[in-house]
């Protein structure tokens, strides 16, 4: 992308409100269609003959229809179809006006920092997980990405390699280039075991002036149980102390399906979803995220039904294949 364009997008991300996916519009391989008034933009890539959109437009929501109209016009000129991965409820209504149907795929998980308190029976499992890490001698540190000491940066890159995690994989909900210093105002949370060895880390990106979004979580196989929950709790505490209203913990897939009970159609959907297990264990992710009791708005895949096979292939390639 041209440097001028990426800086325009960065400014719009800074203006976004209550949109956990806004920072991921800055993935370097994304192109953008801008609204005529310049107050919003929508990110996309071309794959399998489809213009594939990731998340909602960034910037002023009142300008979103203009950005989407520009993208639709671009796709029409090039004779491409459109698919959207991770459309929120408001943007989904705009896409429906262009004939796209919505398939619900999950919900945002967004912790309100002022309301986060580990009390009551709902948070029993979360409290226990955090307590286990304290008993195991786990310590947690926080840094701005620009302020991570060089030796810690080397530890982080080593942890990433050891975990086998590809931080550049993803499209709608990952930024990539973790721990390289390219997002200087990102929050880096690290956890060390009782011996001082780095065993886990998370990076949080700024979305507007009041939101943080979890980008890359990484952990060693030897990390104590509960270390992820401990880092999130510390990140929320840091966010509250530094004026942030919300912390997004990514995305809970199909919570209604996993919460049960399931009828015949639900049982079929449950089996189909588990076909993704080699790529991502969606039920395990759901059960982890439900500990925070912070499910938010629905997210959708938007598409035309006649393009379903091609859209499914394009989305899988972009999200899991690069």
C-alpha atoms as a PDB file:
ATOM      1  CA  UNK A   1       0.000   0.000   0.000  1.00  0.00           C
ATOM      2  CA  UNK A   2       1.172   3.554  -0.699  1.00  0.00           C
ATOM      3  CA  UNK A   3       2.549   5.208   2.500  1.00  0.00           C
ATOM      4  CA  UNK A   4       0.098   8.085   2.137  1.00  0.00           C
ATOM      5  CA  UNK A   5      -2.835   5.659   2.139  1.00  0.00           C
ATOM      6  CA  UNK A   6      -1.686   3.791   5.227  1.00  0.00           C
ATOM      7  CA  UNK A   7      -1.303   7.051   7.133  1.00  0.00           C
ATOM      8  CA  UNK A   8      -4.843   8.044   6.118  1.00  0.00           C
ATOM      9  CA  UNK A   9      -6.109   4.701   7.392  1.00  0.00           C
ATOM     10  CA  UNK A  10      -4.141   5.082  10.625  1.00  0.00           C
ATOM     11  CA  UNK A  11      -5.861   8.437  11.231  1.00  0.00           C
ATOM     12  CA  UNK A  12      -9.265   6.823  10.661  1.00  0.00           C
ATOM     13  CA  UNK A  13      -8.467   3.966  13.051  1.00  0.00           C
ATOM     14  CA  UNK A  14      -7.677   6.608  15.663  1.00  0.00           C
ATOM     15  CA  UNK A  15     -11.161   8.083  15.107  1.00  0.00           C
ATOM     16  CA  UNK A  16     -12.980   4.757  15.345  1.00  0.00           C
ATOM     17  CA  UNK A  17     -15.213   4.166  18.362  1.00  0.00           C
ATOM     18  CA  UNK A  18     -16.114   0.837  19.975  1.00  0.00           C
ATOM     19  CA  UNK A  19     -14.803  -1.238  17.055  1.00  0.00           C
ATOM     20  CA  UNK A  20     -12.408  -3.969  18.228  1.00  0.00           C
ATOM     21  CA  UNK A  21     -11.417  -4.878  14.676  1.00  0.00           C
ATOM     22  CA  UNK A  22     -10.450  -1.353  13.633  1.00  0.00           C
ATOM     23  CA  UNK A  23      -6.653  -1.765  14.157  1.00  0.00           C
ATOM     24  CA  UNK A  24      -6.567  -4.725  11.796  1.00  0.00           C
ATOM     25  CA  UNK A  25      -7.436  -2.437   8.895  1.00  0.00           C
ATOM     26  CA  UNK A  26      -3.714  -1.579   9.031  1.00  0.00           C
ATOM     27  CA  UNK A  27      -2.523  -4.967   7.776  1.00  0.00           C
ATOM     28  CA  UNK A  28       0.009  -3.936   5.111  1.00  0.00           C
ATOM     29  CA  UNK A  29      -1.349  -6.217   2.378  1.00  0.00           C
ATOM     30  CA  UNK A  30      -4.847  -4.718   2.537  1.00  0.00           C
ATOM     31  CA  UNK A  31      -6.111  -2.197   0.017  1.00  0.00           C
ATOM     32  CA  UNK A  32      -8.693   0.403   0.959  1.00  0.00           C
ATOM     33  CA  UNK A  33     -11.674   2.127  -0.578  1.00  0.00           C
ATOM     34  CA  UNK A  34     -12.281   5.592   0.881  1.00  0.00           C
ATOM     35  CA  UNK A  35     -15.595   7.370   1.258  1.00  0.00           C
ATOM     36  CA  UNK A  36     -15.923  10.495  -0.915  1.00  0.00           C
ATOM     37  CA  UNK A  37     -15.744  12.695   2.190  1.00  0.00           C
ATOM     38  CA  UNK A  38     -12.551  10.922   3.324  1.00  0.00           C
ATOM     39  CA  UNK A  39     -13.971  10.209   6.784  1.00  0.00           C
ATOM     40  CA  UNK A  40     -14.063   6.418   6.491  1.00  0.00           C
ATOM     41  CA  UNK A  41     -12.406   3.581   4.598  1.00  0.00           C
ATOM     42  CA  UNK A  42     -12.981  -0.126   4.144  1.00  0.00           C
ATOM     43  CA  UNK A  43     -10.127  -2.635   3.838  1.00  0.00           C
ATOM     44  CA  UNK A  44     -10.121  -5.530   1.403  1.00  0.00           C
ATOM     45  CA  UNK A  45      -8.099  -8.058  -0.572  1.00  0.00           C
ATOM     46  CA  UNK A  46      -8.763  -9.834  -3.842  1.00  0.00           C
ATOM     47  CA  UNK A  47      -8.890 -13.616  -3.554  1.00  0.00           C
ATOM     48  CA  UNK A  48     -10.534 -16.291  -5.732  1.00  0.00           C
ATOM     49  CA  UNK A  49     -12.093 -13.612  -7.907  1.00  0.00           C
ATOM     50  CA  UNK A  50     -13.817 -12.002  -4.915  1.00  0.00           C
ATOM     51  CA  UNK A  51     -13.239  -8.697  -3.192  1.00  0.00           C
ATOM     52  CA  UNK A  52     -12.977  -9.885   0.420  1.00  0.00           C
ATOM     53  CA  UNK A  53     -13.575  -7.310   3.150  1.00  0.00           C
ATOM     54  CA  UNK A  54     -12.207  -7.692   6.669  1.00  0.00           C
ATOM     55  CA  UNK A  55     -14.312  -6.209   9.476  1.00  0.00           C
ATOM     56  CA  UNK A  56     -16.197  -2.920   9.332  1.00  0.00           C
ATOM     57  CA  UNK A  57     -15.142   0.360   7.772  1.00  0.00           C
ATOM     58  CA  UNK A  58     -12.909   2.471   9.989  1.00  0.00           C
ATOM     59  CA  UNK A  59     -13.617   6.095  10.790  1.00  0.00           C
ATOM     60  CA  UNK A  60     -16.894   7.955  11.200  1.00  0.00           C
ATOM     61  CA  UNK A  61     -19.876   5.524  11.144  1.00  0.00           C
ATOM     62  CA  UNK A  62     -21.981   8.188   9.420  1.00  0.00           C
ATOM     63  CA  UNK A  63     -19.534   7.941   6.518  1.00  0.00           C
ATOM     64  CA  UNK A  64     -19.537   4.144   6.293  1.00  0.00           C
ATOM     65  CA  UNK A  65     -22.192   3.953   3.554  1.00  0.00           C
ATOM     66  CA  UNK A  66     -19.977   6.099   1.335  1.00  0.00           C
ATOM     67  CA  UNK A  67     -16.941   3.845   1.780  1.00  0.00           C
ATOM     68  CA  UNK A  68     -18.991   0.722   1.146  1.00  0.00           C
ATOM     69  CA  UNK A  69     -20.563   2.302  -1.954  1.00  0.00           C
ATOM     70  CA  UNK A  70     -17.080   3.069  -3.306  1.00  0.00           C
ATOM     71  CA  UNK A  71     -15.996  -0.529  -2.770  1.00  0.00           C
ATOM     72  CA  UNK A  72     -19.142  -1.908  -4.400  1.00  0.00           C
ATOM     73  CA  UNK A  73     -18.551   0.347  -7.414  1.00  0.00           C
ATOM     74  CA  UNK A  74     -14.926  -0.826  -7.637  1.00  0.00           C
ATOM     75  CA  UNK A  75     -15.935  -4.485  -7.490  1.00  0.00           C
ATOM     76  CA  UNK A  76     -18.612  -3.915 -10.120  1.00  0.00           C
ATOM     77  CA  UNK A  77     -16.165  -2.246 -12.512  1.00  0.00           C
ATOM     78  CA  UNK A  78     -13.791  -5.193 -12.197  1.00  0.00           C
ATOM     79  CA  UNK A  79     -16.644  -7.747 -12.368  1.00  0.00           C
ATOM     80  CA  UNK A  80     -15.803  -9.178  -8.957  1.00  0.00           C
ATOM     81  CA  UNK A  81     -18.175 -10.462  -6.291  1.00  0.00           C
ATOM     82  CA  UNK A  82     -17.928  -9.373  -2.650  1.00  0.00           C
ATOM     83  CA  UNK A  83     -17.652 -11.303   0.613  1.00  0.00           C
ATOM     84  CA  UNK A  84     -17.240  -9.814   4.090  1.00  0.00           C
ATOM     85  CA  UNK A  85     -15.574 -11.524   7.049  1.00  0.00           C
ATOM     86  CA  UNK A  86     -16.504 -10.164  10.468  1.00  0.00           C
ATOM     87  CA  UNK A  87     -19.148  -7.554   9.651  1.00  0.00           C
ATOM     88  CA  UNK A  88     -20.665  -6.020  12.778  1.00  0.00           C
ATOM     89  CA  UNK A  89     -24.368  -5.484  13.240  1.00  0.00           C
ATOM     90  CA  UNK A  90     -24.445  -1.913  11.924  1.00  0.00           C
ATOM     91  CA  UNK A  91     -22.335  -2.571   8.833  1.00  0.00           C
ATOM     92  CA  UNK A  92     -24.251  -5.776   8.103  1.00  0.00           C
ATOM     93  CA  UNK A  93     -27.392  -3.707   7.533  1.00  0.00           C
ATOM     94  CA  UNK A  94     -25.578  -1.630   4.903  1.00  0.00           C
ATOM     95  CA  UNK A  95     -24.264  -4.725   3.130  1.00  0.00           C
ATOM     96  CA  UNK A  96     -27.782  -6.207   3.061  1.00  0.00           C
ATOM     97  CA  UNK A  97     -28.875  -3.209   0.992  1.00  0.00           C
ATOM     98  CA  UNK A  98     -26.503  -4.513  -1.697  1.00  0.00           C
ATOM     99  CA  UNK A  99     -28.020  -7.983  -1.693  1.00  0.00           C
ATOM    100  CA  UNK A 100     -25.587  -9.754   0.632  1.00  0.00           C
ATOM    101  CA  UNK A 101     -26.947 -12.244   3.158  1.00  0.00           C
ATOM    102  CA  UNK A 102     -25.571 -12.493   6.668  1.00  0.00           C
ATOM    103  CA  UNK A 103     -24.399 -15.684   8.345  1.00  0.00           C
ATOM    104  CA  UNK A 104     -23.741 -15.190  12.092  1.00  0.00           C
ATOM    105  CA  UNK A 105     -20.317 -16.554  13.055  1.00  0.00           C
ATOM    106  CA  UNK A 106     -19.849 -15.330  16.609  1.00  0.00           C
ATOM    107  CA  UNK A 107     -19.667 -12.373  18.937  1.00  0.00           C
ATOM    108  CA  UNK A 108     -17.152  -9.791  20.045  1.00  0.00           C
ATOM    109  CA  UNK A 109     -15.766 -10.316  23.537  1.00  0.00           C
ATOM    110  CA  UNK A 110     -15.281  -6.875  25.054  1.00  0.00           C
ATOM    111  CA  UNK A 111     -14.482  -6.219  28.718  1.00  0.00           C
ATOM    112  CA  UNK A 112     -15.758  -2.916  30.117  1.00  0.00           C
ATOM    113  CA  UNK A 113     -12.844  -1.837  32.294  1.00  0.00           C
ATOM    114  CA  UNK A 114     -14.911   0.059  34.857  1.00  0.00           C
ATOM    115  CA  UNK A 115     -17.173  -2.958  35.428  1.00  0.00           C
ATOM    116  CA  UNK A 116     -14.498  -5.656  35.567  1.00  0.00           C
ATOM    117  CA  UNK A 117     -14.300  -7.115  39.062  1.00  0.00           C
ATOM    118  CA  UNK A 118     -13.419 -10.700  39.872  1.00  0.00           C
ATOM    119  CA  UNK A 119     -16.225 -11.195  42.364  1.00  0.00           C
ATOM    120  CA  UNK A 120     -19.282 -13.386  42.409  1.00  0.00           C
ATOM    121  CA  UNK A 121     -19.904 -16.953  41.344  1.00  0.00           C
ATOM    122  CA  UNK A 122     -19.727 -16.089  37.610  1.00  0.00           C
ATOM    123  CA  UNK A 123     -16.029 -15.334  37.920  1.00  0.00           C
ATOM    124  CA  UNK A 124     -15.125 -18.278  40.126  1.00  0.00           C
ATOM    125  CA  UNK A 125     -13.268 -20.164  37.369  1.00  0.00           C
ATOM    126  CA  UNK A 126     -11.419 -17.016  36.339  1.00  0.00           C
ATOM    127  CA  UNK A 127     -10.388 -16.232  39.914  1.00  0.00           C
ATOM    128  CA  UNK A 128      -9.138 -19.773  40.389  1.00  0.00           C
ATOM    129  CA  UNK A 129      -7.106 -19.653  37.182  1.00  0.00           C
ATOM    130  CA  UNK A 130      -5.430 -16.404  38.209  1.00  0.00           C
ATOM    131  CA  UNK A 131      -4.796 -17.666  41.738  1.00  0.00           C
ATOM    132  CA  UNK A 132      -3.041 -20.755  40.350  1.00  0.00           C
ATOM    133  CA  UNK A 133      -0.530 -18.560  38.535  1.00  0.00           C
ATOM    134  CA  UNK A 134       0.189 -16.532  41.654  1.00  0.00           C
ATOM    135  CA  UNK A 135       0.708 -19.707  43.646  1.00  0.00           C
ATOM    136  CA  UNK A 136       3.066 -20.949  40.904  1.00  0.00           C
ATOM    137  CA  UNK A 137       5.178 -17.795  41.186  1.00  0.00           C
ATOM    138  CA  UNK A 138       4.211 -16.264  37.831  1.00  0.00           C
ATOM    139  CA  UNK A 139       5.046 -12.568  37.463  1.00  0.00           C
ATOM    140  CA  UNK A 140       3.632 -10.162  34.861  1.00  0.00           C
ATOM    141  CA  UNK A 141       5.169  -7.056  33.263  1.00  0.00           C
ATOM    142  CA  UNK A 142       3.737  -4.459  30.866  1.00  0.00           C
ATOM    143  CA  UNK A 143       5.507  -2.314  28.268  1.00  0.00           C
ATOM    144  CA  UNK A 144       4.723   0.018  25.440  1.00  0.00           C
ATOM    145  CA  UNK A 145       6.015  -1.785  22.350  1.00  0.00           C
ATOM    146  CA  UNK A 146       8.450   1.061  21.673  1.00  0.00           C
ATOM    147  CA  UNK A 147       9.881   0.687  25.182  1.00  0.00           C
ATOM    148  CA  UNK A 148      10.480  -3.070  25.169  1.00  0.00           C
ATOM    149  CA  UNK A 149      14.178  -3.564  26.049  1.00  0.00           C
ATOM    150  CA  UNK A 150      16.256  -5.205  23.307  1.00  0.00           C
ATOM    151  CA  UNK A 151      16.929  -8.354  25.351  1.00  0.00           C
ATOM    152  CA  UNK A 152      13.196  -8.755  26.055  1.00  0.00           C
ATOM    153  CA  UNK A 153      12.412  -8.288  22.369  1.00  0.00           C
ATOM    154  CA  UNK A 154      14.792 -11.131  21.586  1.00  0.00           C
ATOM    155  CA  UNK A 155      13.068 -13.270  24.211  1.00  0.00           C
ATOM    156  CA  UNK A 156       9.680 -12.476  22.658  1.00  0.00           C
ATOM    157  CA  UNK A 157      10.771 -13.421  19.148  1.00  0.00           C
ATOM    158  CA  UNK A 158      12.268 -16.611  20.556  1.00  0.00           C
ATOM    159  CA  UNK A 159       9.014 -17.428  22.321  1.00  0.00           C
ATOM    160  CA  UNK A 160       7.115 -16.834  19.089  1.00  0.00           C
ATOM    161  CA  UNK A 161       9.405 -19.232  17.230  1.00  0.00           C
ATOM    162  CA  UNK A 162       9.219 -21.834  20.011  1.00  0.00           C
ATOM    163  CA  UNK A 163       5.421 -21.743  20.040  1.00  0.00           C
ATOM    164  CA  UNK A 164       5.225 -22.358  16.299  1.00  0.00           C
ATOM    165  CA  UNK A 165       2.690 -19.543  16.020  1.00  0.00           C
ATOM    166  CA  UNK A 166       2.561 -17.661  12.720  1.00  0.00           C
ATOM    167  CA  UNK A 167       1.883 -14.081  13.781  1.00  0.00           C
ATOM    168  CA  UNK A 168       1.301 -12.999  10.179  1.00  0.00           C
ATOM    169  CA  UNK A 169      -1.485 -15.518   9.606  1.00  0.00           C
ATOM    170  CA  UNK A 170      -4.940 -14.000   9.587  1.00  0.00           C
ATOM    171  CA  UNK A 171      -6.905 -11.337   7.802  1.00  0.00           C
ATOM    172  CA  UNK A 172      -9.742  -9.771   9.762  1.00  0.00           C
ATOM    173  CA  UNK A 173      -8.447 -10.148  13.322  1.00  0.00           C
ATOM    174  CA  UNK A 174      -4.630 -10.174  13.258  1.00  0.00           C
ATOM    175  CA  UNK A 175      -2.167  -7.403  12.410  1.00  0.00           C
ATOM    176  CA  UNK A 176       1.106  -9.352  12.201  1.00  0.00           C
ATOM    177  CA  UNK A 177       4.737  -8.271  12.699  1.00  0.00           C
ATOM    178  CA  UNK A 178       4.460  -8.864  16.426  1.00  0.00           C
ATOM    179  CA  UNK A 179       7.107  -7.544  18.803  1.00  0.00           C
ATOM    180  CA  UNK A 180       9.050  -5.832  15.998  1.00  0.00           C
ATOM    181  CA  UNK A 181       8.445  -2.299  17.288  1.00  0.00           C
ATOM    182  CA  UNK A 182       6.277  -1.289  14.322  1.00  0.00           C
ATOM    183  CA  UNK A 183       3.324  -0.457  16.610  1.00  0.00           C
ATOM    184  CA  UNK A 184       5.092   1.746  19.170  1.00  0.00           C
ATOM    185  CA  UNK A 185       1.986   2.543  21.244  1.00  0.00           C
ATOM    186  CA  UNK A 186       0.812  -1.083  21.478  1.00  0.00           C
ATOM    187  CA  UNK A 187       0.641  -2.619  24.938  1.00  0.00           C
ATOM    188  CA  UNK A 188       2.886  -5.649  25.464  1.00  0.00           C
ATOM    189  CA  UNK A 189       2.095  -7.909  28.409  1.00  0.00           C
ATOM    190  CA  UNK A 190       4.596 -10.617  29.336  1.00  0.00           C
ATOM    191  CA  UNK A 191       4.519 -13.408  31.908  1.00  0.00           C
ATOM    192  CA  UNK A 192       7.506 -15.127  33.520  1.00  0.00           C
ATOM    193  CA  UNK A 193       7.534 -18.331  35.515  1.00  0.00           C
ATOM    194  CA  UNK A 194       9.024 -18.695  38.994  1.00  0.00           C
ATOM    195  CA  UNK A 195      12.533 -19.011  37.493  1.00  0.00           C
ATOM    196  CA  UNK A 196      12.198 -15.786  35.492  1.00  0.00           C
ATOM    197  CA  UNK A 197      11.789 -17.532  32.133  1.00  0.00           C
ATOM    198  CA  UNK A 198       9.468 -15.822  29.648  1.00  0.00           C
ATOM    199  CA  UNK A 199       6.529 -18.193  29.118  1.00  0.00           C
ATOM    200  CA  UNK A 200       3.759 -16.096  27.539  1.00  0.00           C
ATOM    201  CA  UNK A 201       2.955 -12.727  26.025  1.00  0.00           C
ATOM    202  CA  UNK A 202       0.081 -10.746  24.534  1.00  0.00           C
ATOM    203  CA  UNK A 203       0.001  -7.645  22.354  1.00  0.00           C
ATOM    204  CA  UNK A 204      -2.875  -5.153  22.503  1.00  0.00           C
ATOM    205  CA  UNK A 205      -3.482  -2.534  19.824  1.00  0.00           C
ATOM    206  CA  UNK A 206      -5.161   0.833  20.241  1.00  0.00           C
ATOM    207  CA  UNK A 207      -8.531   1.271  18.559  1.00  0.00           C
ATOM    208  CA  UNK A 208      -9.547   4.898  18.813  1.00  0.00           C
ATOM    209  CA  UNK A 209      -8.808   6.659  22.084  1.00  0.00           C
ATOM    210  CA  UNK A 210     -10.738   4.398  24.470  1.00  0.00           C
ATOM    211  CA  UNK A 211     -10.255   0.841  23.231  1.00  0.00           C
ATOM    212  CA  UNK A 212      -7.576  -1.837  23.257  1.00  0.00           C
ATOM    213  CA  UNK A 213      -7.794  -4.961  21.100  1.00  0.00           C
ATOM    214  CA  UNK A 214      -5.930  -8.204  21.697  1.00  0.00           C
ATOM    215  CA  UNK A 215      -3.823  -8.978  18.663  1.00  0.00           C
ATOM    216  CA  UNK A 216      -1.237 -11.710  19.210  1.00  0.00           C
ATOM    217  CA  UNK A 217      -1.327 -14.069  22.196  1.00  0.00           C
ATOM    218  CA  UNK A 218       1.593 -16.479  22.373  1.00  0.00           C
ATOM    219  CA  UNK A 219       2.676 -18.954  25.042  1.00  0.00           C
ATOM    220  CA  UNK A 220       5.171 -21.711  25.631  1.00  0.00           C
ATOM    221  CA  UNK A 221       3.849 -25.241  25.990  1.00  0.00           C
ATOM    222  CA  UNK A 222       5.357 -25.276  29.472  1.00  0.00           C
ATOM    223  CA  UNK A 223       3.442 -22.170  30.603  1.00  0.00           C
ATOM    224  CA  UNK A 224       1.461 -22.713  33.822  1.00  0.00           C
ATOM    225  CA  UNK A 225      -2.307 -23.074  33.519  1.00  0.00           C
ATOM    226  CA  UNK A 226      -4.121 -19.777  33.880  1.00  0.00           C
ATOM    227  CA  UNK A 227      -1.321 -17.602  32.545  1.00  0.00           C
ATOM    228  CA  UNK A 228      -3.464 -16.241  29.693  1.00  0.00           C
ATOM    229  CA  UNK A 229      -6.242 -15.285  32.081  1.00  0.00           C
ATOM    230  CA  UNK A 230      -3.706 -13.625  34.388  1.00  0.00           C
ATOM    231  CA  UNK A 231      -2.259 -11.504  31.565  1.00  0.00           C
ATOM    232  CA  UNK A 232      -5.734 -10.410  30.457  1.00  0.00           C
ATOM    233  CA  UNK A 233      -6.656  -9.388  33.993  1.00  0.00           C
ATOM    234  CA  UNK A 234      -3.434  -7.378  34.247  1.00  0.00           C
ATOM    235  CA  UNK A 235      -4.095  -5.783  30.835  1.00  0.00           C
ATOM    236  CA  UNK A 236      -7.612  -4.740  31.897  1.00  0.00           C
ATOM    237  CA  UNK A 237      -6.225  -3.288  35.127  1.00  0.00           C
ATOM    238  CA  UNK A 238      -3.606  -1.348  33.144  1.00  0.00           C
ATOM    239  CA  UNK A 239      -6.252  -0.133  30.683  1.00  0.00           C
ATOM    240  CA  UNK A 240      -8.538   1.120  33.446  1.00  0.00           C
ATOM    241  CA  UNK A 241      -5.657   3.006  35.080  1.00  0.00           C
ATOM    242  CA  UNK A 242      -4.727   4.626  31.754  1.00  0.00           C
ATOM    243  CA  UNK A 243      -8.138   5.868  30.640  1.00  0.00           C
ATOM    244  CA  UNK A 244      -9.291   3.049  28.369  1.00  0.00           C
ATOM    245  CA  UNK A 245     -12.953   2.096  28.545  1.00  0.00           C
ATOM    246  CA  UNK A 246     -12.880  -1.282  26.802  1.00  0.00           C
ATOM    247  CA  UNK A 247     -10.512  -4.189  26.175  1.00  0.00           C
ATOM    248  CA  UNK A 248     -11.392  -6.573  23.363  1.00  0.00           C
ATOM    249  CA  UNK A 249     -10.384 -10.209  23.798  1.00  0.00           C
ATOM    250  CA  UNK A 250     -10.848 -11.101  20.145  1.00  0.00           C
ATOM    251  CA  UNK A 251     -13.820 -13.109  19.059  1.00  0.00           C
ATOM    252  CA  UNK A 252     -15.973 -15.941  20.424  1.00  0.00           C
ATOM    253  CA  UNK A 253     -17.102 -18.272  17.626  1.00  0.00           C
ATOM    254  CA  UNK A 254     -20.671 -19.582  17.629  1.00  0.00           C
ATOM    255  CA  UNK A 255     -21.462 -19.021  21.337  1.00  0.00           C
ATOM    256  CA  UNK A 256     -25.167 -19.808  20.899  1.00  0.00           C
ATOM    257  CA  UNK A 257     -24.281 -23.106  19.235  1.00  0.00           C
ATOM    258  CA  UNK A 258     -21.895 -24.195  21.987  1.00  0.00           C
ATOM    259  CA  UNK A 259     -24.053 -22.978  24.861  1.00  0.00           C
ATOM    260  CA  UNK A 260     -26.766 -25.492  23.873  1.00  0.00           C
ATOM    261  CA  UNK A 261     -29.214 -27.118  24.005  1.00  0.00           C
ATOM    262  CA  UNK A 262     -29.099 -28.051  20.319  1.00  0.00           C
ATOM    263  CA  UNK A 263     -31.920 -29.233  18.096  1.00  0.00           C
ATOM    264  CA  UNK A 264     -31.391 -31.281  14.930  1.00  0.00           C
ATOM    265  CA  UNK A 265     -30.077 -28.318  12.923  1.00  0.00           C
ATOM    266  CA  UNK A 266     -27.869 -27.272  15.812  1.00  0.00           C
ATOM    267  CA  UNK A 267     -26.409 -30.765  16.015  1.00  0.00           C
ATOM    268  CA  UNK A 268     -25.526 -30.628  12.313  1.00  0.00           C
ATOM    269  CA  UNK A 269     -23.966 -27.192  12.761  1.00  0.00           C
ATOM    270  CA  UNK A 270     -21.998 -28.437  15.764  1.00  0.00           C
ATOM    271  CA  UNK A 271     -20.478 -31.257  13.728  1.00  0.00           C
ATOM    272  CA  UNK A 272     -19.712 -28.946  10.799  1.00  0.00           C
ATOM    273  CA  UNK A 273     -17.974 -26.401  12.994  1.00  0.00           C
ATOM    274  CA  UNK A 274     -15.699 -29.080  14.408  1.00  0.00           C
ATOM    275  CA  UNK A 275     -14.402 -29.702  10.894  1.00  0.00           C
ATOM    276  CA  UNK A 276     -12.331 -26.562  11.529  1.00  0.00           C
ATOM    277  CA  UNK A 277     -10.515 -28.171  14.468  1.00  0.00           C
ATOM    278  CA  UNK A 278      -7.299 -28.783  12.480  1.00  0.00           C
ATOM    279  CA  UNK A 279      -7.141 -25.003  11.893  1.00  0.00           C
ATOM    280  CA  UNK A 280      -8.635 -23.618  15.101  1.00  0.00           C
ATOM    281  CA  UNK A 281     -10.301 -25.337  18.027  1.00  0.00           C
ATOM    282  CA  UNK A 282     -13.362 -23.140  18.114  1.00  0.00           C
ATOM    283  CA  UNK A 283     -15.167 -24.821  21.012  1.00  0.00           C
ATOM    284  CA  UNK A 284     -12.071 -24.623  23.213  1.00  0.00           C
ATOM    285  CA  UNK A 285     -11.763 -20.926  22.337  1.00  0.00           C
ATOM    286  CA  UNK A 286     -15.420 -20.327  23.208  1.00  0.00           C
ATOM    287  CA  UNK A 287     -15.110 -22.084  26.580  1.00  0.00           C
ATOM    288  CA  UNK A 288     -12.027 -20.036  27.399  1.00  0.00           C
ATOM    289  CA  UNK A 289     -13.595 -16.709  26.492  1.00  0.00           C
ATOM    290  CA  UNK A 290     -16.915 -17.320  28.248  1.00  0.00           C
ATOM    291  CA  UNK A 291     -15.065 -17.072  31.585  1.00  0.00           C
ATOM    292  CA  UNK A 292     -15.076 -13.289  31.093  1.00  0.00           C
ATOM    293  CA  UNK A 293     -18.878 -12.961  30.606  1.00  0.00           C
ATOM    294  CA  UNK A 294     -18.321 -10.155  28.104  1.00  0.00           C
ATOM    295  CA  UNK A 295     -20.019 -11.273  24.884  1.00  0.00           C
ATOM    296  CA  UNK A 296     -20.960  -8.297  22.716  1.00  0.00           C
ATOM    297  CA  UNK A 297     -22.361  -7.664  19.274  1.00  0.00           C
ATOM    298  CA  UNK A 298     -22.734 -10.362  16.648  1.00  0.00           C
ATOM    299  CA  UNK A 299     -20.337 -10.682  13.734  1.00  0.00           C
ATOM    300  CA  UNK A 300     -21.332 -11.999  10.329  1.00  0.00           C
ATOM    301  CA  UNK A 301     -19.992 -13.353   7.099  1.00  0.00           C
ATOM    302  CA  UNK A 302     -21.804 -11.439   4.345  1.00  0.00           C
ATOM    303  CA  UNK A 303     -22.092 -13.029   0.916  1.00  0.00           C
ATOM    304  CA  UNK A 304     -24.334 -13.993  -1.969  1.00  0.00           C
ATOM    305  CA  UNK A 305     -25.497 -17.588  -1.619  1.00  0.00           C
ATOM    306  CA  UNK A 306     -24.610 -18.477  -5.193  1.00  0.00           C
ATOM    307  CA  UNK A 307     -20.998 -17.612  -4.382  1.00  0.00           C
ATOM    308  CA  UNK A 308     -20.881 -19.681  -1.184  1.00  0.00           C
ATOM    309  CA  UNK A 309     -18.239 -22.276  -2.262  1.00  0.00           C
ATOM    310  CA  UNK A 310     -15.925 -19.629  -3.693  1.00  0.00           C
ATOM    311  CA  UNK A 311     -16.419 -17.332  -0.706  1.00  0.00           C
ATOM    312  CA  UNK A 312     -15.724 -20.151   1.763  1.00  0.00           C
ATOM    313  CA  UNK A 313     -12.480 -20.999  -0.039  1.00  0.00           C
ATOM    314  CA  UNK A 314     -11.386 -17.362  -0.198  1.00  0.00           C
ATOM    315  CA  UNK A 315     -12.088 -16.757   3.483  1.00  0.00           C
ATOM    316  CA  UNK A 316     -10.262 -19.899   4.578  1.00  0.00           C
ATOM    317  CA  UNK A 317      -7.240 -19.032   2.435  1.00  0.00           C
ATOM    318  CA  UNK A 318      -7.054 -15.488   3.760  1.00  0.00           C
ATOM    319  CA  UNK A 319      -7.606 -16.302   7.421  1.00  0.00           C
ATOM    320  CA  UNK A 320      -5.551 -19.476   7.659  1.00  0.00           C
ATOM    321  CA  UNK A 321      -3.422 -19.676   4.540  1.00  0.00           C
ATOM    322  CA  UNK A 322      -2.028 -16.163   4.241  1.00  0.00           C
END
